[in-house]
Amino acid sequence: MSSSQMRLHELCLNNGNACLMHALTITLTRTLSLEDWDLCLGHLYAFGTEGVDEGEEKAPEGAAALVAGHAPDQGDEFLQAIAPGILTPPQRFTAYFKTAGEAAEAWASLKELLASYDPEHAVVEAPEEDYSSTWRASFQPLFAPPFWLVHAPWHTDLDEKGRITLEIEPGMAFGTGNHETTRGCLTLMAAAAEALKASGRPLSRALDFGCGSGILAVGARKLGFAEVLAVDIDPLALDATAANADRNSVGTITTGFTVPEGQEGTCPLIVANILKNTLLEFAPSLARWLAPGGQLVLSGLMLGQDDEILPRYLELGLTLEERLVDGEWVCLRLRTGP
């Protein structure tokens, strides 16, 4: 089961001991929209799910090359991965609950939202299983060009030569480095840092807008940015960001629910891996926070959505520097003048 289909966390781990769960499986006639999937997840967690399993695809085999010390294969298996970002919505998923009552209440809360998808559902007792081991086995080390190596704390014997490593504890907040958008952001952040240095601009400050697990904020610190601000509306994301900053020994990353006042023109780098509508809503603010000659990395966009996003940012005086397509997802790197 690939980590791109799995968000299991706190799955009655009890230090690795197995326990009995109640599984609510929902099957739809078509794939959920991103907005409906986000709402659906909100309902599931509000009603106490211990984790959501989003499918059963085989984990990327190419990641094994990292453990073996070989050069990573950048074939399609590296384009299948996960979340900040944002998970590709499923057509069938299973949510695990401690009790059958919680599962039934969650289903009742979802019926109206999912009505147009002709849902079928079932609640069954899940067999006893060591979910901790299953979940850990699903999360493989991943490579993102040009030099990123993303891995979990339990991965050992990795070939780290010539790579910048990011150790991420997969958990509740989005962003473990495997999703196409997170992977693309890491790639374009590296390009942005090089462009700033080439133009003689200092790597003084970076903003991760919608930080999720904080993987991009941690990446910015590892690229050499002296100060990093990570913003998210989810308190769990801010906790995860602080924890991952400590885990990677990158020093302090300032976190908050909003960007403080007086930040106009202060950020040589801004990265925003969020939904399209949020990118449209905050376009003026993101452009305003950029320092002169600053670099802006945008993602969370499916193919075609960049056609709506790009004109808005060009109107605000930014120039497109690079467009990266990874599977069905798009990342953009823009620059502000002069």
Protein backbone atom coordinates (compact mmCIF):
# COMPACT_ATOMS: atom_id res chain seq x y z
CA MET A 1 0.00 0.00 0.00
CA SER A 2 1.68 3.21 -1.10
CA SER A 3 1.94 6.20 1.19
CA SER A 4 0.15 8.18 -1.49
CA GLN A 5 -3.00 6.29 -0.60
CA MET A 6 -2.51 6.15 3.13
CA ARG A 7 -2.95 8.70 5.89
CA LEU A 8 -2.97 6.29 8.79
CA HIS A 9 -1.81 7.93 11.96
CA GLU A 10 -2.39 7.04 15.59
CA LEU A 11 -4.07 3.87 14.29
CA CYS A 12 -4.37 2.39 17.75
CA LEU A 13 -0.62 1.88 17.59
CA ASN A 14 -0.21 1.27 21.31
CA ASN A 15 3.53 1.01 20.81
CA GLY A 16 3.04 -1.40 17.95
CA ASN A 17 0.44 -3.64 19.58
CA ALA A 18 -2.50 -4.76 17.44
CA CYS A 19 -6.10 -3.90 18.33
CA LEU A 20 -9.59 -4.37 16.95
CA MET A 21 -10.94 -1.56 14.78
CA HIS A 22 -14.21 -0.88 12.95
CA ALA A 23 -13.77 -0.11 9.28
CA LEU A 24 -16.16 2.13 7.35
CA THR A 25 -15.59 1.48 3.64
CA ILE A 26 -17.23 3.82 1.13
CA THR A 27 -17.30 3.10 -2.61
CA LEU A 28 -18.31 5.77 -5.13
CA THR A 29 -19.26 5.64 -8.79
CA ARG A 30 -16.78 8.38 -9.65
CA THR A 31 -13.76 10.12 -8.16
CA LEU A 32 -14.38 12.82 -5.59
CA SER A 33 -13.56 16.42 -6.37
CA LEU A 34 -10.73 17.94 -4.36
CA GLU A 35 -13.16 20.19 -2.50
CA ASP A 36 -15.52 17.34 -1.61
CA TRP A 37 -12.65 15.11 -0.56
CA ASP A 38 -11.36 17.83 1.75
CA LEU A 39 -14.84 18.17 3.28
CA CYS A 40 -15.16 14.40 3.55
CA LEU A 41 -11.89 14.11 5.45
CA GLY A 42 -13.03 16.88 7.75
CA HIS A 43 -16.19 14.92 8.59
CA LEU A 44 -14.27 11.69 9.16
CA TYR A 45 -11.80 13.26 11.56
CA ALA A 46 -14.53 15.24 13.30
CA PHE A 47 -16.27 11.96 14.09
CA GLY A 48 -13.13 10.38 15.47
CA THR A 49 -11.51 8.35 12.71
CA GLU A 50 -8.11 6.96 13.67
CA GLY A 51 -6.91 6.96 10.08
CA VAL A 52 -7.97 6.82 6.44
CA ASP A 53 -6.78 4.25 3.93
CA GLU A 54 -7.21 5.55 0.40
CA GLY A 55 -6.46 2.54 -1.75
CA GLU A 56 -4.19 -0.39 -2.35
CA GLU A 57 -1.58 0.39 -4.98
CA LYS A 58 1.84 -1.12 -4.71
CA ALA A 59 4.48 1.11 -3.12
CA PRO A 60 6.99 2.61 -5.58
CA GLU A 61 9.63 0.02 -6.26
CA GLY A 62 12.14 2.57 -7.53
CA ALA A 63 12.61 3.94 -4.02
CA ALA A 64 14.43 0.72 -3.12
CA ALA A 65 17.31 1.98 -5.23
CA LEU A 66 17.97 4.59 -2.54
CA VAL A 67 18.45 1.92 0.10
CA ALA A 68 20.70 -0.04 -2.21
CA GLY A 69 22.76 3.07 -2.89
CA HIS A 70 22.05 3.25 -6.61
CA ALA A 71 21.06 6.30 -8.56
CA PRO A 72 17.29 6.77 -8.26
CA ASP A 73 15.12 5.86 -11.19
CA GLN A 74 12.96 8.82 -12.08
CA GLY A 75 10.40 6.80 -13.98
CA ASP A 76 6.66 6.84 -13.45
CA GLU A 77 6.87 5.19 -10.04
CA PHE A 78 8.25 8.43 -8.69
CA LEU A 79 5.27 10.35 -10.02
CA GLN A 80 2.69 8.44 -8.01
CA ALA A 81 3.32 9.69 -4.55
CA ILE A 82 1.68 11.80 -1.78
CA ALA A 83 0.77 14.69 0.24
CA PRO A 84 0.64 19.34 0.87
CA GLY A 85 0.20 19.17 0.08
CA ILE A 86 -2.84 17.65 -1.42
CA LEU A 87 -3.86 14.05 -1.97
CA THR A 88 -5.40 12.85 -5.22
CA PRO A 89 -9.03 12.07 -4.23
CA PRO A 90 -10.00 8.40 -4.23
CA GLN A 91 -13.09 6.60 -5.50
CA ARG A 92 -12.98 4.08 -2.67
CA PHE A 93 -11.64 4.58 0.84
CA THR A 94 -11.79 3.10 4.32
CA ALA A 95 -11.87 5.01 7.60
CA TYR A 96 -11.04 3.22 10.84
CA PHE A 97 -12.88 3.86 14.11
CA LYS A 98 -12.60 2.54 17.63
CA THR A 99 -16.32 1.71 17.79
CA ALA A 100 -19.06 0.74 15.36
CA GLY A 101 -21.13 3.63 16.70
CA GLU A 102 -18.51 6.18 15.68
CA ALA A 103 -18.37 4.63 12.20
CA ALA A 104 -22.17 4.78 11.85
CA GLU A 105 -22.27 8.41 12.96
CA ALA A 106 -19.55 9.33 10.49
CA TRP A 107 -21.46 7.66 7.65
CA ALA A 108 -24.65 9.51 8.61
CA SER A 109 -22.77 12.81 8.46
CA LEU A 110 -21.45 12.03 4.96
CA LYS A 111 -24.60 10.80 3.19
CA GLU A 112 -25.75 14.22 1.99
CA LEU A 113 -22.26 15.33 0.91
CA LEU A 114 -21.69 12.13 -1.08
CA ALA A 115 -25.21 11.70 -2.45
CA SER A 116 -24.27 12.74 -6.00
CA TYR A 117 -21.54 10.07 -6.06
CA ASP A 118 -24.05 7.19 -5.54
CA PRO A 119 -22.17 5.86 -2.53
CA GLU A 120 -22.25 2.35 -1.13
CA HIS A 121 -20.96 1.73 2.37
CA ALA A 122 -20.19 -1.07 4.81
CA VAL A 123 -19.03 -1.16 8.41
CA VAL A 124 -17.12 -4.25 9.46
CA GLU A 125 -14.79 -5.27 12.25
CA ALA A 126 -11.24 -4.96 10.99
CA PRO A 127 -9.07 -8.00 11.71
CA GLU A 128 -6.40 -7.57 14.30
CA GLU A 129 -3.28 -6.31 12.63
CA ASP A 130 -0.16 -4.46 13.52
CA TYR A 131 -1.14 -1.22 11.79
CA SER A 132 2.09 0.41 12.84
CA SER A 133 4.17 -2.09 10.86
CA THR A 134 1.82 -1.96 7.86
CA TRP A 135 1.89 1.81 7.78
CA ARG A 136 5.64 2.04 8.15
CA ALA A 137 6.19 -0.46 5.36
CA SER A 138 4.05 1.72 3.08
CA PHE A 139 6.24 4.79 3.47
CA GLN A 140 9.32 4.55 1.27
CA PRO A 141 12.28 6.94 0.94
CA LEU A 142 11.84 9.21 -2.06
CA PHE A 143 14.10 11.27 -4.25
CA ALA A 144 13.11 14.66 -5.65
CA PRO A 145 15.38 16.39 -8.16
CA PRO A 146 17.92 17.78 -8.07
CA PHE A 147 19.25 16.49 -4.76
CA TRP A 148 16.46 15.94 -2.21
CA LEU A 149 16.14 12.72 -0.26
CA VAL A 150 12.99 12.48 1.87
CA HIS A 151 12.77 9.69 4.43
CA ALA A 152 11.12 8.68 7.69
CA PRO A 153 12.98 8.32 11.00
CA TRP A 154 13.01 4.52 10.74
CA HIS A 155 14.79 4.45 7.37
CA THR A 156 18.45 3.55 7.79
CA ASP A 157 21.40 2.65 5.58
CA LEU A 158 20.49 5.28 3.00
CA ASP A 159 22.99 6.63 0.49
CA GLU A 160 23.00 10.34 1.37
CA LYS A 161 26.05 11.33 -0.66
CA GLY A 162 25.41 14.53 -2.62
CA ARG A 163 21.85 14.84 -1.33
CA ILE A 164 20.01 17.18 1.00
CA THR A 165 18.06 14.95 3.36
CA LEU A 166 14.69 15.71 4.90
CA GLU A 167 13.59 13.44 7.73
CA ILE A 168 9.81 13.67 8.09
CA GLU A 169 7.60 11.92 10.61
CA PRO A 170 4.46 11.03 8.60
CA GLY A 171 1.38 11.95 10.56
CA MET A 172 -1.76 14.02 10.60
CA ALA A 173 -0.51 17.09 8.72
CA PHE A 174 -0.27 16.99 4.94
CA GLY A 175 3.10 16.71 3.26
CA THR A 176 5.51 13.79 3.43
CA GLY A 177 7.40 14.64 0.26
CA ASN A 178 5.81 12.02 -1.94
CA HIS A 179 2.97 13.89 -3.56
CA GLU A 180 3.73 15.34 -6.98
CA THR A 181 3.09 18.89 -5.77
CA THR A 182 5.43 18.64 -2.78
CA ARG A 183 8.06 16.98 -4.93
CA GLY A 184 7.68 19.70 -7.57
CA CYS A 185 7.91 22.45 -4.98
CA LEU A 186 11.15 21.03 -3.63
CA THR A 187 12.60 20.94 -7.14
CA LEU A 188 11.55 24.52 -7.95
CA MET A 189 12.65 25.81 -4.53
CA ALA A 190 16.16 24.60 -5.32
CA ALA A 191 16.01 26.39 -8.67
CA ALA A 192 14.68 29.54 -6.97
CA ALA A 193 17.53 29.56 -4.46
CA GLU A 194 20.07 29.24 -7.27
CA ALA A 195 18.40 32.07 -9.19
CA LEU A 196 18.51 34.34 -6.14
CA LYS A 197 22.18 33.62 -5.53
CA ALA A 198 22.99 34.14 -9.21
CA SER A 199 21.37 37.58 -9.08
CA GLY A 200 23.28 38.52 -5.95
CA ARG A 201 20.26 38.51 -3.66
CA PRO A 202 20.68 37.14 -0.16
CA LEU A 203 18.76 34.12 1.08
CA SER A 204 17.45 36.19 3.95
CA ARG A 205 13.90 34.99 4.37
CA ALA A 206 11.43 32.41 3.07
CA LEU A 207 7.70 32.01 3.63
CA ASP A 208 5.94 28.63 3.49
CA PHE A 209 2.30 29.61 3.01
CA GLY A 210 0.14 26.60 3.91
CA CYS A 211 2.97 24.66 5.51
CA GLY A 212 1.31 21.32 6.31
CA SER A 213 4.01 19.10 7.82
CA GLY A 214 6.59 21.84 7.30
CA ILE A 215 8.62 19.85 4.79
CA LEU A 216 9.05 22.88 2.52
CA ALA A 217 9.90 25.17 5.42
CA VAL A 218 12.55 22.70 6.58
CA GLY A 219 13.77 22.46 2.99
CA ALA A 220 14.13 26.25 2.82
CA ARG A 221 16.31 26.23 5.93
CA LYS A 222 18.46 23.49 4.43
CA LEU A 223 18.84 25.56 1.27
CA GLY A 224 20.39 28.27 3.43
CA PHE A 225 17.59 30.74 4.10
CA ALA A 226 18.43 32.57 7.30
CA GLU A 227 14.83 32.96 8.47
CA VAL A 228 11.74 30.92 7.61
CA LEU A 229 8.13 31.70 8.42
CA ALA A 230 5.60 28.85 8.15
CA VAL A 231 1.88 29.66 8.10
CA ASP A 232 -1.14 27.36 8.25
CA ILE A 233 -4.72 27.53 9.54
CA ASP A 234 -4.40 24.04 11.08
CA PRO A 235 -2.78 23.98 14.54
CA LEU A 236 -1.73 20.37 13.94
CA ALA A 237 0.29 21.57 10.94
CA LEU A 238 2.10 24.14 13.05
CA ASP A 239 2.92 21.50 15.66
CA ALA A 240 4.18 19.14 12.95
CA THR A 241 6.31 21.88 11.41
CA ALA A 242 7.97 22.69 14.72
CA ALA A 243 8.58 19.00 15.41
CA ASN A 244 10.07 18.38 11.95
CA ALA A 245 12.29 21.46 12.27
CA ASP A 246 13.66 20.04 15.51
CA ARG A 247 14.01 16.57 13.97
CA ASN A 248 16.12 18.00 11.14
CA SER A 249 18.21 20.28 13.39
CA VAL A 250 17.56 23.35 11.24
CA GLY A 251 17.03 25.80 14.07
CA THR A 252 13.92 27.83 14.69
CA ILE A 253 11.14 28.08 12.12
CA THR A 254 8.64 30.77 13.05
CA THR A 255 5.08 29.46 12.83
CA GLY A 256 1.72 31.17 12.90
CA PHE A 257 -1.86 31.15 11.66
CA THR A 258 -1.34 34.32 9.60
CA VAL A 259 1.48 36.36 8.13
CA PRO A 260 2.25 39.20 10.57
CA GLU A 261 1.66 42.81 9.61
CA GLY A 262 4.46 44.75 7.99
CA GLN A 263 5.87 41.96 5.84
CA GLU A 264 5.57 43.77 2.50
CA GLY A 265 8.62 43.22 0.30
CA THR A 266 10.50 41.10 2.86
CA CYS A 267 10.56 37.59 1.37
CA PRO A 268 13.03 36.62 -1.38
CA LEU A 269 11.27 33.24 -1.54
CA ILE A 270 7.63 32.30 -1.04
CA VAL A 271 6.28 28.80 -1.61
CA ALA A 272 2.54 28.09 -1.55
CA ASN A 273 1.36 24.54 -2.08
CA ILE A 274 -2.36 25.01 -1.55
CA LEU A 275 -5.69 24.84 -3.39
CA LYS A 276 -6.38 26.87 -6.53
CA ASN A 277 -9.04 29.10 -5.00
CA THR A 278 -6.75 30.01 -2.12
CA LEU A 279 -3.96 30.86 -4.56
CA LEU A 280 -6.37 33.17 -6.38
CA GLU A 281 -7.64 34.76 -3.18
CA PHE A 282 -4.18 35.46 -1.77
CA ALA A 283 -2.48 36.43 -5.04
CA PRO A 284 -2.22 40.15 -4.14
CA SER A 285 -0.85 39.35 -0.70
CA LEU A 286 1.72 36.85 -1.97
CA ALA A 287 2.90 39.34 -4.60
CA ARG A 288 3.07 42.09 -1.97
CA TRP A 289 5.14 39.99 0.46
CA LEU A 290 7.76 39.18 -2.19
CA ALA A 291 11.02 41.08 -2.01
CA PRO A 292 12.22 42.83 -5.20
CA GLY A 293 13.49 40.17 -7.57
CA GLY A 294 11.92 37.54 -5.33
CA GLN A 295 10.93 34.03 -6.35
CA LEU A 296 7.43 32.59 -5.93
CA VAL A 297 6.73 28.84 -6.16
CA LEU A 298 3.08 27.84 -6.55
CA SER A 299 1.48 24.41 -6.59
CA GLY A 300 -1.51 22.40 -5.49
CA LEU A 301 -2.66 22.75 -9.10
CA MET A 302 -3.98 20.06 -11.39
CA LEU A 303 -3.29 20.28 -15.12
CA GLY A 304 -5.34 23.10 -16.60
CA GLN A 305 -5.81 24.97 -13.34
CA ASP A 306 -2.60 26.88 -14.00
CA ASP A 307 -4.43 28.47 -16.95
CA GLU A 308 -6.63 30.20 -14.38
CA ILE A 309 -3.85 30.97 -11.92
CA LEU A 310 -1.08 32.28 -14.17
CA PRO A 311 -2.92 35.28 -15.71
CA ARG A 312 -3.79 36.56 -12.25
CA TYR A 313 -0.16 36.58 -11.15
CA LEU A 314 1.06 38.05 -14.44
CA GLU A 315 -1.40 40.91 -13.90
CA LEU A 316 0.32 41.56 -10.59
CA GLY A 317 3.66 42.07 -12.33
CA LEU A 318 5.25 38.66 -11.94
CA THR A 319 7.06 36.79 -14.71
CA LEU A 320 6.86 33.05 -15.31
CA GLU A 321 10.30 31.48 -14.96
CA GLU A 322 9.47 27.78 -15.01
CA ARG A 323 6.50 25.43 -15.36
CA LEU A 324 6.96 21.89 -14.08
CA VAL A 325 4.46 19.14 -14.94
CA ASP A 326 4.55 15.99 -12.81
CA GLY A 327 1.83 13.47 -13.61
CA GLU A 328 -1.49 15.35 -13.41
CA TRP A 329 -0.04 18.18 -11.32
CA VAL A 330 1.62 21.48 -12.15
CA CYS A 331 4.13 23.63 -10.26
CA LEU A 332 5.01 27.18 -11.26
CA ARG A 333 8.05 29.31 -10.48
CA LEU A 334 7.60 33.04 -10.95
CA ARG A 335 9.75 36.10 -10.34
CA THR A 336 8.87 39.63 -9.38
CA GLY A 337 10.72 42.64 -10.75
CA PRO A 338 13.01 44.32 -11.06
